[in-house]
Amino acid sequence: MPRVKRGTKRRDKRKKILKRAKGFFLTKSKLYRAAQQAVQKAGKYAYRGRREKKRDFRSLWIVRIGAGSRINGLSYSLFMHGLKLSNIDLDRKVLSDMAINDAAGFASLADTAKAAVKEATTKAVAAHPNTPKVPKAPKAERPKKS
């Protein structure tokens, strides 16, 4: 078999890995084998982090929308349900931005959602008039939460 002299390919490959490992601690940025492992692990963390970032932002938007809707007298779930009933298709990112920067616009959306929920509730009650309404027990008789 003929001898394979790799030419520049080996050096280019190693330089690429060491360039990616720049700034890593001690030998992880100097020695090829340690750098290779560190870069591979960093790639796994980066891949996972890109997905976690999406989750984190969604939960942040939900918290902001919930805070804005509570100011307007609705829970987050009722607010979102009301928007869906009134066919308003705004994503959570836009709604959260409105809650922070455009309080008046968000308040009008909350009023629309309230009206839609109220209308849906009255329709549901009208559709089932024989459903008994169970009154709440007085506070003295309610079991205490433990």
C-alpha atoms as a PDB file:
ATOM      1  CA  MET A   1       0.000   0.000   0.000  1.00  0.00           C
ATOM      2  CA  PRO A   2       1.276   3.444  -0.776  1.00  0.00           C
ATOM      3  CA  ARG A   3       2.081   5.767   2.077  1.00  0.00           C
ATOM      4  CA  VAL A   4      -0.459   8.537   2.681  1.00  0.00           C
ATOM      5  CA  LYS A   5       1.005  11.914   3.481  1.00  0.00           C
ATOM      6  CA  ARG A   6      -2.007  13.953   4.458  1.00  0.00           C
ATOM      7  CA  GLY A   7      -0.680  17.247   3.189  1.00  0.00           C
ATOM      8  CA  THR A   8      -2.580  20.236   4.575  1.00  0.00           C
ATOM      9  CA  LYS A   9      -5.766  18.368   5.425  1.00  0.00           C
ATOM     10  CA  ARG A  10      -4.607  17.252   8.885  1.00  0.00           C
ATOM     11  CA  ARG A  11      -3.336  20.706   9.802  1.00  0.00           C
ATOM     12  CA  ASP A  12      -6.495  22.419   8.528  1.00  0.00           C
ATOM     13  CA  LYS A  13      -8.717  20.041  10.511  1.00  0.00           C
ATOM     14  CA  ARG A  14      -6.753  20.595  13.709  1.00  0.00           C
ATOM     15  CA  LYS A  15      -6.613  24.355  13.246  1.00  0.00           C
ATOM     16  CA  LYS A  16     -10.393  24.418  12.793  1.00  0.00           C
ATOM     17  CA  ILE A  17     -10.932  22.549  16.079  1.00  0.00           C
ATOM     18  CA  LEU A  18      -8.389  24.665  17.990  1.00  0.00           C
ATOM     19  CA  LYS A  19      -9.941  27.843  16.612  1.00  0.00           C
ATOM     20  CA  ARG A  20     -13.342  26.739  17.938  1.00  0.00           C
ATOM     21  CA  ALA A  21     -11.761  25.948  21.313  1.00  0.00           C
ATOM     22  CA  LYS A  22     -10.227  29.414  21.646  1.00  0.00           C
ATOM     23  CA  GLY A  23     -10.864  30.752  25.147  1.00  0.00           C
ATOM     24  CA  PHE A  24     -11.390  27.334  26.734  1.00  0.00           C
ATOM     25  CA  PHE A  25      -9.576  26.542  30.008  1.00  0.00           C
ATOM     26  CA  LEU A  26      -5.968  25.268  30.055  1.00  0.00           C
ATOM     27  CA  THR A  27      -5.247  22.331  27.736  1.00  0.00           C
ATOM     28  CA  LYS A  28      -8.739  22.416  26.271  1.00  0.00           C
ATOM     29  CA  SER A  29      -7.651  25.338  24.136  1.00  0.00           C
ATOM     30  CA  LYS A  30      -4.089  24.118  23.457  1.00  0.00           C
ATOM     31  CA  LEU A  31      -3.997  20.354  22.903  1.00  0.00           C
ATOM     32  CA  TYR A  32      -5.882  18.834  19.998  1.00  0.00           C
ATOM     33  CA  ARG A  33      -7.411  15.800  21.737  1.00  0.00           C
ATOM     34  CA  ALA A  34      -8.676  17.748  24.743  1.00  0.00           C
ATOM     35  CA  ALA A  35      -9.882  20.551  22.475  1.00  0.00           C
ATOM     36  CA  GLN A  36     -11.732  18.088  20.266  1.00  0.00           C
ATOM     37  CA  GLN A  37     -13.654  16.672  23.227  1.00  0.00           C
ATOM     38  CA  ALA A  38     -14.372  20.108  24.647  1.00  0.00           C
ATOM     39  CA  VAL A  39     -15.638  21.424  21.309  1.00  0.00           C
ATOM     40  CA  GLN A  40     -17.897  18.400  20.870  1.00  0.00           C
ATOM     41  CA  LYS A  41     -19.361  18.839  24.360  1.00  0.00           C
ATOM     42  CA  ALA A  42     -19.776  22.579  23.789  1.00  0.00           C
ATOM     43  CA  GLY A  43     -21.651  21.787  20.587  1.00  0.00           C
ATOM     44  CA  LYS A  44     -24.079  19.573  22.504  1.00  0.00           C
ATOM     45  CA  TYR A  45     -24.673  22.313  25.073  1.00  0.00           C
ATOM     46  CA  ALA A  46     -25.189  24.886  22.328  1.00  0.00           C
ATOM     47  CA  TYR A  47     -27.691  22.651  20.524  1.00  0.00           C
ATOM     48  CA  ARG A  48     -29.636  22.104  23.748  1.00  0.00           C
ATOM     49  CA  GLY A  49     -29.401  25.775  24.662  1.00  0.00           C
ATOM     50  CA  ARG A  50     -30.948  26.896  21.386  1.00  0.00           C
ATOM     51  CA  ARG A  51     -34.021  24.844  22.228  1.00  0.00           C
ATOM     52  CA  GLU A  52     -34.131  25.936  25.865  1.00  0.00           C
ATOM     53  CA  LYS A  53     -34.012  29.564  24.781  1.00  0.00           C
ATOM     54  CA  LYS A  54     -37.289  29.118  22.920  1.00  0.00           C
ATOM     55  CA  ARG A  55     -38.927  27.648  26.049  1.00  0.00           C
ATOM     56  CA  ASP A  56     -37.551  30.402  28.264  1.00  0.00           C
ATOM     57  CA  PHE A  57     -38.826  33.178  26.035  1.00  0.00           C
ATOM     58  CA  ARG A  58     -42.267  31.593  25.728  1.00  0.00           C
ATOM     59  CA  SER A  59     -42.580  31.359  29.528  1.00  0.00           C
ATOM     60  CA  LEU A  60     -41.396  34.976  29.883  1.00  0.00           C
ATOM     61  CA  TRP A  61     -44.034  36.119  27.401  1.00  0.00           C
ATOM     62  CA  ILE A  62     -46.713  34.164  29.274  1.00  0.00           C
ATOM     63  CA  VAL A  63     -45.722  35.787  32.580  1.00  0.00           C
ATOM     64  CA  ARG A  64     -45.879  39.254  31.013  1.00  0.00           C
ATOM     65  CA  ILE A  65     -49.251  38.607  29.364  1.00  0.00           C
ATOM     66  CA  GLY A  66     -50.574  37.190  32.647  1.00  0.00           C
ATOM     67  CA  ALA A  67     -49.475  40.301  34.535  1.00  0.00           C
ATOM     68  CA  GLY A  68     -51.087  42.578  31.942  1.00  0.00           C
ATOM     69  CA  SER A  69     -54.323  40.624  31.886  1.00  0.00           C
ATOM     70  CA  ARG A  70     -54.567  40.587  35.709  1.00  0.00           C
ATOM     71  CA  ILE A  71     -54.294  44.378  35.699  1.00  0.00           C
ATOM     72  CA  ASN A  72     -57.329  44.351  33.397  1.00  0.00           C
ATOM     73  CA  GLY A  73     -59.289  41.918  35.577  1.00  0.00           C
ATOM     74  CA  LEU A  74     -58.733  38.619  33.753  1.00  0.00           C
ATOM     75  CA  SER A  75     -56.588  35.575  34.326  1.00  0.00           C
ATOM     76  CA  TYR A  76     -54.123  34.566  31.619  1.00  0.00           C
ATOM     77  CA  SER A  77     -56.180  31.562  30.552  1.00  0.00           C
ATOM     78  CA  LEU A  78     -59.441  33.530  30.321  1.00  0.00           C
ATOM     79  CA  PHE A  79     -57.677  36.288  28.393  1.00  0.00           C
ATOM     80  CA  MET A  80     -56.254  33.842  25.849  1.00  0.00           C
ATOM     81  CA  HIS A  81     -59.568  31.979  25.619  1.00  0.00           C
ATOM     82  CA  GLY A  82     -61.401  35.253  24.990  1.00  0.00           C
ATOM     83  CA  LEU A  83     -58.947  36.216  22.245  1.00  0.00           C
ATOM     84  CA  LYS A  84     -59.433  32.842  20.600  1.00  0.00           C
ATOM     85  CA  LEU A  85     -63.226  33.179  20.800  1.00  0.00           C
ATOM     86  CA  SER A  86     -63.076  36.628  19.193  1.00  0.00           C
ATOM     87  CA  ASN A  87     -60.753  35.351  16.423  1.00  0.00           C
ATOM     88  CA  ILE A  88     -57.804  37.574  17.344  1.00  0.00           C
ATOM     89  CA  ASP A  89     -54.679  35.757  16.189  1.00  0.00           C
ATOM     90  CA  LEU A  90     -51.776  37.546  17.862  1.00  0.00           C
ATOM     91  CA  ASP A  91     -48.857  35.484  19.068  1.00  0.00           C
ATOM     92  CA  ARG A  92     -47.536  35.635  22.619  1.00  0.00           C
ATOM     93  CA  LYS A  93     -44.468  37.641  21.635  1.00  0.00           C
ATOM     94  CA  VAL A  94     -46.601  40.480  20.237  1.00  0.00           C
ATOM     95  CA  LEU A  95     -49.078  40.327  23.133  1.00  0.00           C
ATOM     96  CA  SER A  96     -46.264  40.537  25.674  1.00  0.00           C
ATOM     97  CA  ASP A  97     -44.784  43.536  23.881  1.00  0.00           C
ATOM     98  CA  MET A  98     -48.214  45.197  23.883  1.00  0.00           C
ATOM     99  CA  ALA A  99     -48.624  44.520  27.600  1.00  0.00           C
ATOM    100  CA  ILE A 100     -45.367  46.375  28.290  1.00  0.00           C
ATOM    101  CA  ASN A 101     -45.337  49.176  25.721  1.00  0.00           C
ATOM    102  CA  ASP A 102     -48.977  49.742  24.725  1.00  0.00           C
ATOM    103  CA  ALA A 103     -51.169  49.495  27.827  1.00  0.00           C
ATOM    104  CA  ALA A 104     -54.173  51.126  26.143  1.00  0.00           C
ATOM    105  CA  GLY A 105     -54.121  48.702  23.213  1.00  0.00           C
ATOM    106  CA  PHE A 106     -53.719  45.754  25.571  1.00  0.00           C
ATOM    107  CA  ALA A 107     -56.638  47.026  27.665  1.00  0.00           C
ATOM    108  CA  SER A 108     -58.857  47.147  24.575  1.00  0.00           C
ATOM    109  CA  LEU A 109     -57.860  43.553  23.758  1.00  0.00           C
ATOM    110  CA  ALA A 110     -58.696  42.565  27.344  1.00  0.00           C
ATOM    111  CA  ASP A 111     -62.128  44.210  27.047  1.00  0.00           C
ATOM    112  CA  THR A 112     -62.746  42.330  23.802  1.00  0.00           C
ATOM    113  CA  ALA A 113     -61.697  39.078  25.446  1.00  0.00           C
ATOM    114  CA  LYS A 114     -63.937  39.756  28.467  1.00  0.00           C
ATOM    115  CA  ALA A 115     -66.928  40.376  26.226  1.00  0.00           C
ATOM    116  CA  ALA A 116     -66.270  37.214  24.206  1.00  0.00           C
ATOM    117  CA  VAL A 117     -65.956  35.069  27.350  1.00  0.00           C
ATOM    118  CA  LYS A 118     -69.110  36.574  28.834  1.00  0.00           C
ATOM    119  CA  GLU A 119     -71.052  35.946  25.624  1.00  0.00           C
ATOM    120  CA  ALA A 120     -69.823  32.349  25.417  1.00  0.00           C
ATOM    121  CA  THR A 121     -70.763  31.781  29.064  1.00  0.00           C
ATOM    122  CA  THR A 122     -74.296  33.100  28.574  1.00  0.00           C
ATOM    123  CA  LYS A 123     -74.704  30.913  25.478  1.00  0.00           C
ATOM    124  CA  ALA A 124     -73.541  27.846  27.408  1.00  0.00           C
ATOM    125  CA  VAL A 125     -75.943  28.574  30.278  1.00  0.00           C
ATOM    126  CA  ALA A 126     -78.813  29.160  27.850  1.00  0.00           C
ATOM    127  CA  ALA A 127     -78.073  25.865  26.096  1.00  0.00           C
ATOM    128  CA  HIS A 128     -78.266  23.935  29.392  1.00  0.00           C
ATOM    129  CA  PRO A 129     -80.908  25.630  31.551  1.00  0.00           C
ATOM    130  CA  ASN A 130     -81.484  22.618  33.844  1.00  0.00           C
ATOM    131  CA  THR A 131     -77.937  22.509  35.123  1.00  0.00           C
ATOM    132  CA  PRO A 132     -78.137  23.028  38.882  1.00  0.00           C
ATOM    133  CA  LYS A 133     -76.031  25.806  40.302  1.00  0.00           C
ATOM    134  CA  VAL A 134     -74.285  24.646  43.440  1.00  0.00           C
ATOM    135  CA  PRO A 135     -73.950  27.495  45.946  1.00  0.00           C
ATOM    136  CA  LYS A 136     -70.670  27.871  47.778  1.00  0.00           C
ATOM    137  CA  ALA A 137     -70.642  26.908  51.413  1.00  0.00           C
ATOM    138  CA  PRO A 138     -70.135  29.754  53.899  1.00  0.00           C
ATOM    139  CA  LYS A 139     -66.520  30.349  54.867  1.00  0.00           C
ATOM    140  CA  ALA A 140     -66.964  28.882  58.347  1.00  0.00           C
ATOM    141  CA  GLU A 141     -68.029  25.513  56.926  1.00  0.00           C
ATOM    142  CA  ARG A 142     -65.413  25.220  54.179  1.00  0.00           C
ATOM    143  CA  PRO A 143     -62.658  22.689  54.839  1.00  0.00           C
ATOM    144  CA  LYS A 144     -59.313  24.300  55.458  1.00  0.00           C
ATOM    145  CA  LYS A 145     -56.531  23.785  52.928  1.00  0.00           C
ATOM    146  CA  SER A 146     -53.573  21.981  54.397  1.00  0.00           C
END
